[in-house]
Amino acid sequence: KIEPTEEKWIPKQWTFDLIEVAEHFEAHVRQQLPWYDTLLVSIAH
C-alpha cells in the first residue's frame, strides 16, 4: 500500500515570486529530485 507524501503548501499557480515557494525551496527541490545534491557534486567536479 503506497501512501505518497503530499506537499500541501504547493500553490496552484507556481512561481518563484511567491514567498511560500521561496521558503520551501530547499526541502521541495530535494523531495521532488532526490538526486539534487548528487547533481551539485557533479557540477563541483
All heavy atoms as atom14 arrays in JSON, in Angstrom:
{
  "sequence": "KIEPTEEKWIPKQWTFDLIEVAEHFEAHVRQQLPWYDTLLVSIAH",
  "atom14_mask": [
    [1, 1, 1, 1, 1, 1, 1, 1, 1, 0, 0, 0, 0, 0],
    [1, 1, 1, 1, 1, 1, 1, 1, 0, 0, 0, 0, 0, 0],
    [1, 1, 1, 1, 1, 1, 1, 1, 1, 0, 0, 0, 0, 0],
    [1, 1, 1, 1, 1, 1, 1, 0, 0, 0, 0, 0, 0, 0],
    [1, 1, 1, 1, 1, 1, 1, 0, 0, 0, 0, 0, 0, 0],
    [1, 1, 1, 1, 1, 1, 1, 1, 1, 0, 0, 0, 0, 0],
    [1, 1, 1, 1, 1, 1, 1, 1, 1, 0, 0, 0, 0, 0],
    [1, 1, 1, 1, 1, 1, 1, 1, 1, 0, 0, 0, 0, 0],
    [1, 1, 1, 1, 1, 1, 1, 1, 1, 1, 1, 1, 1, 1],
    [1, 1, 1, 1, 1, 1, 1, 1, 0, 0, 0, 0, 0, 0],
    [1, 1, 1, 1, 1, 1, 1, 0, 0, 0, 0, 0, 0, 0],
    [1, 1, 1, 1, 1, 1, 1, 1, 1, 0, 0, 0, 0, 0],
    [1, 1, 1, 1, 1, 1, 1, 1, 1, 0, 0, 0, 0, 0],
    [1, 1, 1, 1, 1, 1, 1, 1, 1, 1, 1, 1, 1, 1],
    [1, 1, 1, 1, 1, 1, 1, 0, 0, 0, 0, 0, 0, 0],
    [1, 1, 1, 1, 1, 1, 1, 1, 1, 1, 1, 0, 0, 0],
    [1, 1, 1, 1, 1, 1, 1, 1, 0, 0, 0, 0, 0, 0],
    [1, 1, 1, 1, 1, 1, 1, 1, 0, 0, 0, 0, 0, 0],
    [1, 1, 1, 1, 1, 1, 1, 1, 0, 0, 0, 0, 0, 0],
    [1, 1, 1, 1, 1, 1, 1, 1, 1, 0, 0, 0, 0, 0],
    [1, 1, 1, 1, 1, 1, 1, 0, 0, 0, 0, 0, 0, 0],
    [1, 1, 1, 1, 1, 0, 0, 0, 0, 0, 0, 0, 0, 0],
    [1, 1, 1, 1, 1, 1, 1, 1, 1, 0, 0, 0, 0, 0],
    [1, 1, 1, 1, 1, 1, 1, 1, 1, 1, 0, 0, 0, 0],
    [1, 1, 1, 1, 1, 1, 1, 1, 1, 1, 1, 0, 0, 0],
    [1, 1, 1, 1, 1, 1, 1, 1, 1, 0, 0, 0, 0, 0],
    [1, 1, 1, 1, 1, 0, 0, 0, 0, 0, 0, 0, 0, 0],
    [1, 1, 1, 1, 1, 1, 1, 1, 1, 1, 0, 0, 0, 0],
    [1, 1, 1, 1, 1, 1, 1, 0, 0, 0, 0, 0, 0, 0],
    [1, 1, 1, 1, 1, 1, 1, 1, 1, 1, 1, 0, 0, 0],
    [1, 1, 1, 1, 1, 1, 1, 1, 1, 0, 0, 0, 0, 0],
    [1, 1, 1, 1, 1, 1, 1, 1, 1, 0, 0, 0, 0, 0],
    [1, 1, 1, 1, 1, 1, 1, 1, 0, 0, 0, 0, 0, 0],
    [1, 1, 1, 1, 1, 1, 1, 0, 0, 0, 0, 0, 0, 0],
    [1, 1, 1, 1, 1, 1, 1, 1, 1, 1, 1, 1, 1, 1],
    [1, 1, 1, 1, 1, 1, 1, 1, 1, 1, 1, 1, 0, 0],
    [1, 1, 1, 1, 1, 1, 1, 1, 0, 0, 0, 0, 0, 0],
    [1, 1, 1, 1, 1, 1, 1, 0, 0, 0, 0, 0, 0, 0],
    [1, 1, 1, 1, 1, 1, 1, 1, 0, 0, 0, 0, 0, 0],
    [1, 1, 1, 1, 1, 1, 1, 1, 0, 0, 0, 0, 0, 0],
    [1, 1, 1, 1, 1, 1, 1, 0, 0, 0, 0, 0, 0, 0],
    [1, 1, 1, 1, 1, 1, 0, 0, 0, 0, 0, 0, 0, 0],
    [1, 1, 1, 1, 1, 1, 1, 1, 0, 0, 0, 0, 0, 0],
    [1, 1, 1, 1, 1, 0, 0, 0, 0, 0, 0, 0, 0, 0],
    [1, 1, 1, 1, 1, 1, 1, 1, 1, 1, 0, 0, 0, 0]
  ],
  "atom14_positions": [
    [[0.85, -1.18, 0.0], [0.0, 0.0, 0.0], [0.89, 1.23, 0.0], [1.66, 1.45, 0.92], [-0.9, 0.02, 1.24], [-1.83, 1.23, 1.29], [-2.69, 1.19, 2.54], [-3.59, 2.41, 2.59], [-4.42, 2.41, 3.81], [0.0, 0.0, 0.0], [0.0, 0.0, 0.0], [0.0, 0.0, 0.0], [0.0, 0.0, 0.0], [0.0, 0.0, 0.0]],
    [[0.82, 2.02, -1.07], [1.67, 3.19, -1.22], [0.91, 4.44, -0.79], [-0.21, 4.67, -1.22], [2.13, 3.34, -2.68], [2.78, 2.05, -3.19], [3.09, 4.51, -2.82], [3.98, 1.62, -2.39], [0.0, 0.0, 0.0], [0.0, 0.0, 0.0], [0.0, 0.0, 0.0], [0.0, 0.0, 0.0], [0.0, 0.0, 0.0], [0.0, 0.0, 0.0]],
    [[1.51, 5.2, 0.08], [0.92, 6.45, 0.54], [1.86, 7.59, 0.18], [2.79, 7.89, 0.92], [0.68, 6.41, 2.05], [-0.32, 5.34, 2.47], [-0.56, 5.36, 3.95], [0.16, 6.11, 4.65], [-1.45, 4.64, 4.41], [0.0, 0.0, 0.0], [0.0, 0.0, 0.0], [0.0, 0.0, 0.0], [0.0, 0.0, 0.0], [0.0, 0.0, 0.0]],
    [[1.68, 8.22, -0.99], [2.59, 9.3, -1.39], [2.54, 10.45, -0.41], [1.5, 10.78, 0.14], [2.04, 9.73, -2.77], [1.19, 8.58, -3.22], [0.63, 7.97, -1.97], [0.0, 0.0, 0.0], [0.0, 0.0, 0.0], [0.0, 0.0, 0.0], [0.0, 0.0, 0.0], [0.0, 0.0, 0.0], [0.0, 0.0, 0.0], [0.0, 0.0, 0.0]],
    [[3.71, 11.06, -0.2], [3.78, 12.24, 0.64], [3.29, 13.44, -0.14], [3.74, 13.7, -1.25], [5.24, 12.49, 1.08], [5.69, 11.33, 1.8], [5.35, 13.71, 1.97], [0.0, 0.0, 0.0], [0.0, 0.0, 0.0], [0.0, 0.0, 0.0], [0.0, 0.0, 0.0], [0.0, 0.0, 0.0], [0.0, 0.0, 0.0], [0.0, 0.0, 0.0]],
    [[2.36, 14.19, 0.43], [1.83, 15.37, -0.24], [2.41, 16.64, 0.35], [2.55, 16.76, 1.57], [0.3, 15.41, -0.11], [-0.4, 14.25, -0.8], [-1.91, 14.36, -0.69], [-2.37, 15.38, -0.12], [-2.6, 13.46, -1.15], [0.0, 0.0, 0.0], [0.0, 0.0, 0.0], [0.0, 0.0, 0.0], [0.0, 0.0, 0.0], [0.0, 0.0, 0.0]],
    [[2.78, 17.56, -0.52], [3.23, 18.85, -0.08], [2.05, 19.81, -0.2], [1.8, 20.4, -1.26], [4.42, 19.32, -0.92], [5.65, 18.45, -0.75], [6.83, 18.96, -1.55], [6.82, 18.75, -2.76], [7.73, 19.56, -0.96], [0.0, 0.0, 0.0], [0.0, 0.0, 0.0], [0.0, 0.0, 0.0], [0.0, 0.0, 0.0], [0.0, 0.0, 0.0]],
    [[1.32, 19.96, 0.88], [0.06, 20.68, 0.84], [0.22, 22.18, 0.61], [-0.73, 22.87, 0.28], [-0.72, 20.42, 2.13], [-1.09, 18.95, 2.31], [-1.87, 18.73, 3.59], [-2.24, 17.26, 3.75], [-3.0, 17.0, 5.0], [0.0, 0.0, 0.0], [0.0, 0.0, 0.0], [0.0, 0.0, 0.0], [0.0, 0.0, 0.0], [0.0, 0.0, 0.0]],
    [[1.43, 22.68, 0.82], [1.66, 24.11, 0.66], [1.77, 24.55, -0.79], [1.69, 25.74, -1.1], [2.95, 24.52, 1.38], [4.17, 23.88, 0.79], [4.73, 22.7, 1.16], [4.95, 24.37, -0.3], [5.82, 22.42, 0.37], [5.98, 23.43, -0.54], [4.88, 25.51, -1.1], [6.92, 23.59, -1.54], [5.83, 25.67, -2.1], [6.84, 24.72, -2.31]],
    [[1.96, 23.62, -1.72], [2.23, 23.96, -3.12], [1.07, 24.74, -3.72], [-0.07, 24.27, -3.73], [2.5, 22.69, -3.95], [3.75, 21.98, -3.43], [2.65, 23.03, -5.42], [4.09, 20.72, -4.17], [0.0, 0.0, 0.0], [0.0, 0.0, 0.0], [0.0, 0.0, 0.0], [0.0, 0.0, 0.0], [0.0, 0.0, 0.0], [0.0, 0.0, 0.0]],
    [[1.32, 25.95, -4.23], [0.25, 26.76, -4.82], [-0.15, 26.23, -6.2], [0.63, 25.55, -6.87], [0.9, 28.15, -4.94], [2.36, 27.86, -5.08], [2.62, 26.64, -4.23], [0.0, 0.0, 0.0], [0.0, 0.0, 0.0], [0.0, 0.0, 0.0], [0.0, 0.0, 0.0], [0.0, 0.0, 0.0], [0.0, 0.0, 0.0], [0.0, 0.0, 0.0]],
    [[-1.37, 26.54, -6.61], [-1.84, 26.09, -7.92], [-1.08, 26.79, -9.04], [-0.8, 26.19, -10.07], [-3.35, 26.35, -8.05], [-4.2, 25.5, -7.12], [-5.68, 25.77, -7.31], [-6.52, 24.9, -6.39], [-7.97, 25.13, -6.57], [0.0, 0.0, 0.0], [0.0, 0.0, 0.0], [0.0, 0.0, 0.0], [0.0, 0.0, 0.0], [0.0, 0.0, 0.0]],
    [[-0.78, 28.07, -8.84], [0.0, 28.82, -9.82], [1.43, 28.95, -9.31], [1.74, 29.83, -8.54], [-0.63, 30.2, -10.05], [-2.03, 30.17, -10.62], [-2.08, 29.53, -12.0], [-1.15, 29.67, -12.8], [-3.16, 28.82, -12.29], [0.0, 0.0, 0.0], [0.0, 0.0, 0.0], [0.0, 0.0, 0.0], [0.0, 0.0, 0.0], [0.0, 0.0, 0.0]],
    [[2.3, 28.04, -9.76], [3.67, 28.0, -9.27], [4.47, 29.17, -9.85], [4.52, 29.37, -11.05], [4.32, 26.68, -9.67], [5.77, 26.62, -9.33], [6.81, 27.11, -10.06], [6.36, 26.03, -8.17], [8.0, 26.87, -9.43], [7.76, 26.22, -8.27], [5.84, 25.38, -7.06], [8.64, 25.75, -7.3], [6.72, 24.92, -6.1], [8.1, 25.11, -6.23]],
    [[5.11, 29.92, -8.98], [6.03, 30.96, -9.4], [7.01, 31.26, -8.28], [6.64, 31.23, -7.1], [5.29, 32.26, -9.79], [6.25, 33.31, -9.98], [4.29, 32.67, -8.72], [0.0, 0.0, 0.0], [0.0, 0.0, 0.0], [0.0, 0.0, 0.0], [0.0, 0.0, 0.0], [0.0, 0.0, 0.0], [0.0, 0.0, 0.0], [0.0, 0.0, 0.0]],
    [[8.25, 31.52, -8.62], [9.26, 31.82, -7.61], [9.06, 33.19, -6.99], [9.77, 33.54, -6.05], [10.66, 31.73, -8.23], [11.1, 30.31, -8.49], [11.2, 29.83, -9.78], [11.42, 29.46, -7.44], [11.6, 28.52, -10.02], [11.82, 28.16, -7.67], [11.92, 27.69, -8.97], [0.0, 0.0, 0.0], [0.0, 0.0, 0.0], [0.0, 0.0, 0.0]],
    [[8.11, 33.94, -7.5], [7.81, 35.24, -6.91], [6.99, 35.11, -5.63], [6.84, 36.09, -4.89], [7.07, 36.12, -7.92], [7.94, 36.5, -9.1], [9.15, 36.72, -8.89], [7.43, 36.55, -10.23], [0.0, 0.0, 0.0], [0.0, 0.0, 0.0], [0.0, 0.0, 0.0], [0.0, 0.0, 0.0], [0.0, 0.0, 0.0], [0.0, 0.0, 0.0]],
    [[6.44, 33.92, -5.39], [5.64, 33.7, -4.19], [6.55, 33.39, -3.01], [7.49, 32.59, -3.13], [4.66, 32.55, -4.4], [3.55, 32.76, -5.43], [2.73, 31.5, -5.58], [2.66, 33.92, -5.01], [0.0, 0.0, 0.0], [0.0, 0.0, 0.0], [0.0, 0.0, 0.0], [0.0, 0.0, 0.0], [0.0, 0.0, 0.0], [0.0, 0.0, 0.0]],
    [[6.27, 33.99, -1.87], [7.12, 33.82, -0.71], [7.12, 32.39, -0.21], [8.14, 31.87, 0.25], [6.71, 34.81, 0.42], [7.75, 34.76, 1.54], [5.3, 34.5, 0.93], [7.54, 35.84, 2.58], [0.0, 0.0, 0.0], [0.0, 0.0, 0.0], [0.0, 0.0, 0.0], [0.0, 0.0, 0.0], [0.0, 0.0, 0.0], [0.0, 0.0, 0.0]],
    [[5.96, 31.68, -0.31], [5.91, 30.31, 0.18], [6.76, 29.37, -0.68], [7.32, 28.39, -0.18], [4.48, 29.79, 0.27], [3.7, 29.83, -1.04], [2.83, 31.06, -1.15], [3.32, 32.14, -0.8], [1.66, 30.92, -1.58], [0.0, 0.0, 0.0], [0.0, 0.0, 0.0], [0.0, 0.0, 0.0], [0.0, 0.0, 0.0], [0.0, 0.0, 0.0]],
    [[6.87, 29.66, -1.97], [7.73, 28.85, -2.83], [9.19, 29.02, -2.44], [9.95, 28.05, -2.33], [7.51, 29.23, -4.31], [8.56, 28.55, -5.2], [6.11, 28.84, -4.76], [0.0, 0.0, 0.0], [0.0, 0.0, 0.0], [0.0, 0.0, 0.0], [0.0, 0.0, 0.0], [0.0, 0.0, 0.0], [0.0, 0.0, 0.0], [0.0, 0.0, 0.0]],
    [[9.59, 30.27, -2.21], [10.97, 30.54, -1.81], [11.29, 29.93, -0.45], [12.37, 29.37, -0.24], [11.21, 32.04, -1.79], [0.0, 0.0, 0.0], [0.0, 0.0, 0.0], [0.0, 0.0, 0.0], [0.0, 0.0, 0.0], [0.0, 0.0, 0.0], [0.0, 0.0, 0.0], [0.0, 0.0, 0.0], [0.0, 0.0, 0.0], [0.0, 0.0, 0.0]],
    [[10.34, 30.01, 0.47], [10.56, 29.48, 1.82], [10.74, 27.97, 1.83], [11.5, 27.43, 2.63], [9.39, 29.87, 2.73], [9.36, 31.34, 3.12], [8.17, 31.7, 3.97], [7.19, 30.91, 3.98], [8.2, 32.75, 4.62], [0.0, 0.0, 0.0], [0.0, 0.0, 0.0], [0.0, 0.0, 0.0], [0.0, 0.0, 0.0], [0.0, 0.0, 0.0]],
    [[10.03, 27.27, 0.95], [10.07, 25.81, 0.94], [11.03, 25.26, -0.12], [11.09, 24.04, -0.31], [8.67, 25.23, 0.68], [7.71, 25.44, 1.8], [6.95, 26.59, 1.93], [7.39, 24.66, 2.86], [6.19, 26.49, 3.01], [6.45, 25.33, 3.59], [0.0, 0.0, 0.0], [0.0, 0.0, 0.0], [0.0, 0.0, 0.0], [0.0, 0.0, 0.0]],
    [[11.76, 26.12, -0.8], [12.56, 25.67, -1.96], [13.52, 24.55, -1.61], [13.57, 23.52, -2.3], [13.34, 26.85, -2.55], [14.32, 26.41, -3.61], [13.87, 26.09, -4.88], [15.67, 26.31, -3.33], [14.77, 25.67, -5.87], [16.57, 25.89, -4.31], [16.12, 25.58, -5.58], [0.0, 0.0, 0.0], [0.0, 0.0, 0.0], [0.0, 0.0, 0.0]],
    [[14.32, 24.71, -0.57], [15.36, 23.73, -0.27], [14.79, 22.34, -0.02], [15.31, 21.34, -0.52], [16.17, 24.19, 0.95], [16.99, 25.44, 0.72], [18.13, 25.23, -0.26], [18.54, 24.07, -0.46], [18.6, 26.22, -0.84], [0.0, 0.0, 0.0], [0.0, 0.0, 0.0], [0.0, 0.0, 0.0], [0.0, 0.0, 0.0], [0.0, 0.0, 0.0]],
    [[13.71, 22.26, 0.74], [13.1, 20.96, 1.03], [12.37, 20.42, -0.2], [12.44, 19.22, -0.51], [12.14, 21.08, 2.21], [0.0, 0.0, 0.0], [0.0, 0.0, 0.0], [0.0, 0.0, 0.0], [0.0, 0.0, 0.0], [0.0, 0.0, 0.0], [0.0, 0.0, 0.0], [0.0, 0.0, 0.0], [0.0, 0.0, 0.0], [0.0, 0.0, 0.0]],
    [[11.69, 21.3, -0.92], [10.89, 20.87, -2.06], [11.75, 20.29, -3.18], [11.42, 19.25, -3.75], [10.08, 22.06, -2.59], [9.32, 21.75, -3.84], [8.21, 20.94, -3.86], [9.52, 22.14, -5.14], [7.75, 20.84, -5.1], [8.53, 21.56, -5.89], [0.0, 0.0, 0.0], [0.0, 0.0, 0.0], [0.0, 0.0, 0.0], [0.0, 0.0, 0.0]],
    [[12.85, 20.97, -3.52], [13.66, 20.51, -4.63], [14.27, 19.14, -4.33], [14.41, 18.29, -5.21], [14.77, 21.54, -4.98], [15.84, 21.59, -3.9], [15.38, 21.23, -6.34], [0.0, 0.0, 0.0], [0.0, 0.0, 0.0], [0.0, 0.0, 0.0], [0.0, 0.0, 0.0], [0.0, 0.0, 0.0], [0.0, 0.0, 0.0], [0.0, 0.0, 0.0]],
    [[14.57, 18.87, -3.08], [15.14, 17.57, -2.72], [14.07, 16.49, -2.59], [14.35, 15.31, -2.79], [15.93, 17.7, -1.41], [17.23, 18.48, -1.6], [17.92, 18.81, -0.29], [19.24, 19.4, -0.52], [19.43, 20.69, -0.78], [18.39, 21.52, -0.82], [20.65, 21.16, -1.0], [0.0, 0.0, 0.0], [0.0, 0.0, 0.0], [0.0, 0.0, 0.0]],
    [[12.84, 16.9, -2.28], [11.75, 15.94, -2.23], [11.37, 15.49, -3.64], [11.12, 14.32, -3.9], [10.54, 16.56, -1.52], [9.46, 15.56, -1.1], [8.46, 15.27, -2.2], [8.31, 16.03, -3.14], [7.78, 14.14, -2.08], [0.0, 0.0, 0.0], [0.0, 0.0, 0.0], [0.0, 0.0, 0.0], [0.0, 0.0, 0.0], [0.0, 0.0, 0.0]],
    [[11.36, 16.43, -4.58], [10.99, 16.12, -5.95], [12.15, 15.51, -6.75], [11.94, 14.69, -7.64], [10.53, 17.4, -6.66], [9.23, 17.98, -6.11], [8.05, 17.07, -6.35], [7.87, 16.55, -7.45], [7.23, 16.86, -5.33], [0.0, 0.0, 0.0], [0.0, 0.0, 0.0], [0.0, 0.0, 0.0], [0.0, 0.0, 0.0], [0.0, 0.0, 0.0]],
    [[13.37, 15.92, -6.41], [14.56, 15.44, -7.12], [15.56, 14.88, -6.12], [16.47, 15.58, -5.69], [15.2, 16.59, -7.92], [14.27, 17.38, -8.84], [15.0, 18.56, -9.43], [13.71, 16.48, -9.94], [0.0, 0.0, 0.0], [0.0, 0.0, 0.0], [0.0, 0.0, 0.0], [0.0, 0.0, 0.0], [0.0, 0.0, 0.0], [0.0, 0.0, 0.0]],
    [[15.44, 13.62, -5.72], [16.32, 13.04, -4.71], [17.8, 13.07, -5.11], [18.67, 12.94, -4.25], [15.81, 11.61, -4.58], [14.41, 11.65, -5.07], [14.38, 12.68, -6.14], [0.0, 0.0, 0.0], [0.0, 0.0, 0.0], [0.0, 0.0, 0.0], [0.0, 0.0, 0.0], [0.0, 0.0, 0.0], [0.0, 0.0, 0.0], [0.0, 0.0, 0.0]],
    [[18.07, 13.24, -6.4], [19.45, 13.27, -6.88], [20.01, 14.69, -6.92], [21.11, 14.92, -7.46], [19.53, 12.65, -8.28], [18.39, 13.01, -9.18], [17.27, 12.26, -9.42], [18.22, 14.21, -9.96], [16.43, 12.9, -10.3], [16.98, 14.11, -10.65], [18.99, 15.36, -10.14], [16.51, 15.1, -11.5], [18.51, 16.36, -10.99], [17.29, 16.23, -11.65]],
    [[19.31, 15.66, -6.36], [19.71, 17.06, -6.45], [21.11, 17.31, -5.88], [21.94, 17.97, -6.5], [18.68, 17.94, -5.74], [18.98, 19.42, -5.78], [18.81, 20.16, -6.95], [19.43, 20.1, -4.64], [19.08, 21.52, -6.99], [19.7, 21.45, -4.68], [19.53, 22.16, -5.85], [19.8, 23.51, -5.88], [0.0, 0.0, 0.0], [0.0, 0.0, 0.0]],
    [[21.39, 16.78, -4.7], [22.7, 17.0, -4.08], [23.81, 16.28, -4.84], [24.94, 16.77, -4.92], [22.69, 16.57, -2.62], [21.88, 17.53, -1.75], [22.18, 18.74, -1.78], [20.95, 17.08, -1.06], [0.0, 0.0, 0.0], [0.0, 0.0, 0.0], [0.0, 0.0, 0.0], [0.0, 0.0, 0.0], [0.0, 0.0, 0.0], [0.0, 0.0, 0.0]],
    [[23.5, 15.12, -5.41], [24.47, 14.43, -6.25], [24.79, 15.26, -7.48], [25.94, 15.33, -7.93], [23.93, 13.05, -6.68], [23.64, 12.27, -5.51], [24.93, 12.31, -7.54], [0.0, 0.0, 0.0], [0.0, 0.0, 0.0], [0.0, 0.0, 0.0], [0.0, 0.0, 0.0], [0.0, 0.0, 0.0], [0.0, 0.0, 0.0], [0.0, 0.0, 0.0]],
    [[23.77, 15.91, -8.02], [23.96, 16.8, -9.16], [24.89, 17.95, -8.8], [25.79, 18.3, -9.58], [22.61, 17.34, -9.62], [22.62, 18.49, -10.63], [23.29, 18.05, -11.92], [21.2, 18.97, -10.89], [0.0, 0.0, 0.0], [0.0, 0.0, 0.0], [0.0, 0.0, 0.0], [0.0, 0.0, 0.0], [0.0, 0.0, 0.0], [0.0, 0.0, 0.0]],
    [[24.72, 18.53, -7.63], [25.58, 19.63, -7.2], [27.04, 19.19, -7.09], [27.96, 19.93, -7.46], [25.1, 20.19, -5.86], [23.74, 20.91, -5.85], [23.36, 21.31, -4.44], [23.79, 22.15, -6.75], [0.0, 0.0, 0.0], [0.0, 0.0, 0.0], [0.0, 0.0, 0.0], [0.0, 0.0, 0.0], [0.0, 0.0, 0.0], [0.0, 0.0, 0.0]],
    [[27.24, 17.98, -6.6], [28.61, 17.45, -6.51], [29.22, 17.32, -7.91], [30.4, 17.62, -8.12], [28.62, 16.09, -5.78], [30.0, 15.46, -5.85], [28.2, 16.27, -4.33], [0.0, 0.0, 0.0], [0.0, 0.0, 0.0], [0.0, 0.0, 0.0], [0.0, 0.0, 0.0], [0.0, 0.0, 0.0], [0.0, 0.0, 0.0], [0.0, 0.0, 0.0]],
    [[28.41, 16.87, -8.87], [28.9, 16.75, -10.24], [29.29, 18.11, -10.81], [30.32, 18.24, -11.49], [27.83, 16.1, -11.12], [27.51, 14.8, -10.66], [0.0, 0.0, 0.0], [0.0, 0.0, 0.0], [0.0, 0.0, 0.0], [0.0, 0.0, 0.0], [0.0, 0.0, 0.0], [0.0, 0.0, 0.0], [0.0, 0.0, 0.0], [0.0, 0.0, 0.0]],
    [[28.47, 19.13, -10.54], [28.78, 20.47, -11.0], [30.09, 20.96, -10.39], [30.9, 21.62, -11.04], [27.62, 21.44, -10.66], [26.39, 21.08, -11.51], [28.02, 22.89, -10.9], [25.15, 21.87, -11.15], [0.0, 0.0, 0.0], [0.0, 0.0, 0.0], [0.0, 0.0, 0.0], [0.0, 0.0, 0.0], [0.0, 0.0, 0.0], [0.0, 0.0, 0.0]],
    [[30.32, 20.62, -9.13], [31.57, 20.99, -8.47], [32.77, 20.36, -9.17], [33.81, 21.0, -9.33], [31.53, 20.58, -7.0], [0.0, 0.0, 0.0], [0.0, 0.0, 0.0], [0.0, 0.0, 0.0], [0.0, 0.0, 0.0], [0.0, 0.0, 0.0], [0.0, 0.0, 0.0], [0.0, 0.0, 0.0], [0.0, 0.0, 0.0], [0.0, 0.0, 0.0]],
    [[32.63, 19.11, -9.61], [33.72, 18.44, -10.32], [33.99, 19.11, -11.67], [35.14, 19.32, -12.05], [33.39, 16.96, -10.52], [33.58, 16.12, -9.31], [34.82, 15.89, -8.74], [32.68, 15.44, -8.53], [34.69, 15.11, -7.68], [33.41, 14.83, -7.52], [0.0, 0.0, 0.0], [0.0, 0.0, 0.0], [0.0, 0.0, 0.0], [0.0, 0.0, 0.0]]
  ]
}
